[in-house]
Each structure stands twice: as structure tokens, then as C-alpha cells.
Amino acid sequence: MEKHCAKCGVPCECLAPSPECWCKTITPFQPICEEAVKQYGGCVCKTCSSFMVYTPEQLHTVWGLGRTG
């Protein structure tokens, strides 16, 4: 089912409350997604979830953000 991220508003796929939803199958994201529902009132997309999990230094390594040259 297509929903919109409760934080950024971007369309995202959400199967909640199904155990097959991506946020239920990626163990490190489970507490983050639960916190997002409390904080933003709904599910958040994978990108917003990543920003809640990783520090800026880790995002640089994980996604290559902030690289120059």
C-alpha cells in the first residue's frame, strides 16, 4: 500500500502492520520505526528512518553523503 512519509511527505510503500513490511524485516529499524510513529504520528520512509539511525559521519560512509571530488 502506498502511503506518505509522516516526516517528509514523500510517497512510500508501507505494509504495516503486516510482519512483511520492510520496517519489520530489518531488525535495526524496528525500534526506530516505533519511535517515528510516536514522534511523527505515522510511518516514515526508509530515507527518514536512515537519518534517525545513522550519525552524519555514518551516513557519509553508508550513502557517500558529503563527499567532494
Protein backbone atom coordinates (compact mmCIF):
# COMPACT_ATOMS: atom_id res chain seq x y z
CA MET A 1 0.00 0.00 0.00
CA GLU A 2 1.35 3.42 -0.87
CA LYS A 3 1.35 5.91 1.97
CA HIS A 4 3.16 9.15 2.58
CA CYS A 5 6.06 9.53 4.98
CA ALA A 6 4.84 11.18 8.19
CA LYS A 7 8.06 13.22 8.35
CA CYS A 8 8.89 14.34 4.79
CA GLY A 9 5.64 13.59 2.92
CA VAL A 10 7.25 11.54 0.15
CA PRO A 11 5.17 8.60 -1.11
CA CYS A 12 6.47 5.34 0.32
CA GLU A 13 5.43 1.72 0.41
CA CYS A 14 4.06 0.58 3.75
CA LEU A 15 2.69 -2.84 4.61
CA ALA A 16 2.16 -2.13 8.32
CA PRO A 17 1.00 -3.81 10.43
CA SER A 18 1.99 -6.83 8.33
CA PRO A 19 5.14 -8.64 9.50
CA GLU A 20 6.36 -8.43 5.88
CA CYS A 21 6.68 -4.63 5.96
CA TRP A 22 10.30 -3.57 5.41
CA CYS A 23 10.49 -1.93 8.84
CA LYS A 24 9.57 -5.24 10.49
CA THR A 25 12.04 -7.32 8.44
CA ILE A 26 15.13 -5.13 9.05
CA THR A 27 15.76 -5.67 12.75
CA PRO A 28 17.77 -2.48 13.49
CA PHE A 29 14.93 -0.35 12.12
CA GLN A 30 12.18 -1.79 14.33
CA PRO A 31 12.74 0.48 17.37
CA ILE A 32 13.41 3.46 15.09
CA CYS A 33 10.14 2.95 13.24
CA GLU A 34 8.25 2.59 16.52
CA GLU A 35 9.81 5.86 17.71
CA ALA A 36 8.92 7.55 14.41
CA VAL A 37 5.26 6.60 14.85
CA LYS A 38 5.31 8.14 18.33
CA GLN A 39 7.22 11.24 17.21
CA TYR A 40 5.59 11.92 13.83
CA GLY A 41 2.25 10.15 14.17
CA GLY A 42 2.83 7.61 11.41
CA CYS A 43 5.29 5.56 9.42
CA VAL A 44 8.35 7.19 7.90
CA CYS A 45 10.16 6.30 4.68
CA LYS A 46 13.44 4.39 4.52
CA THR A 47 15.39 7.61 3.99
CA CYS A 48 13.97 9.37 7.05
CA SER A 49 14.45 6.18 9.07
CA SER A 50 18.09 6.07 8.00
CA PHE A 51 18.58 9.64 9.19
CA MET A 52 17.16 8.56 12.56
CA VAL A 53 19.55 5.55 12.78
CA TYR A 54 22.86 6.81 11.45
CA THR A 55 25.01 9.73 12.57
CA PRO A 56 26.16 12.20 9.88
CA GLU A 57 29.57 10.51 9.90
CA GLN A 58 27.98 7.10 9.32
CA LEU A 59 25.77 8.44 6.53
CA HIS A 60 28.93 9.60 4.79
CA THR A 61 30.16 6.01 4.83
CA VAL A 62 26.81 4.30 4.22
CA TRP A 63 25.47 6.59 1.47
CA GLY A 64 28.52 8.59 0.44
CA LEU A 65 26.84 11.83 1.54
CA GLY A 66 29.01 14.88 1.82
CA ARG A 67 31.80 13.55 -0.38
CA THR A 68 33.54 16.03 -2.58
CA GLY A 69 35.66 15.46 -5.66
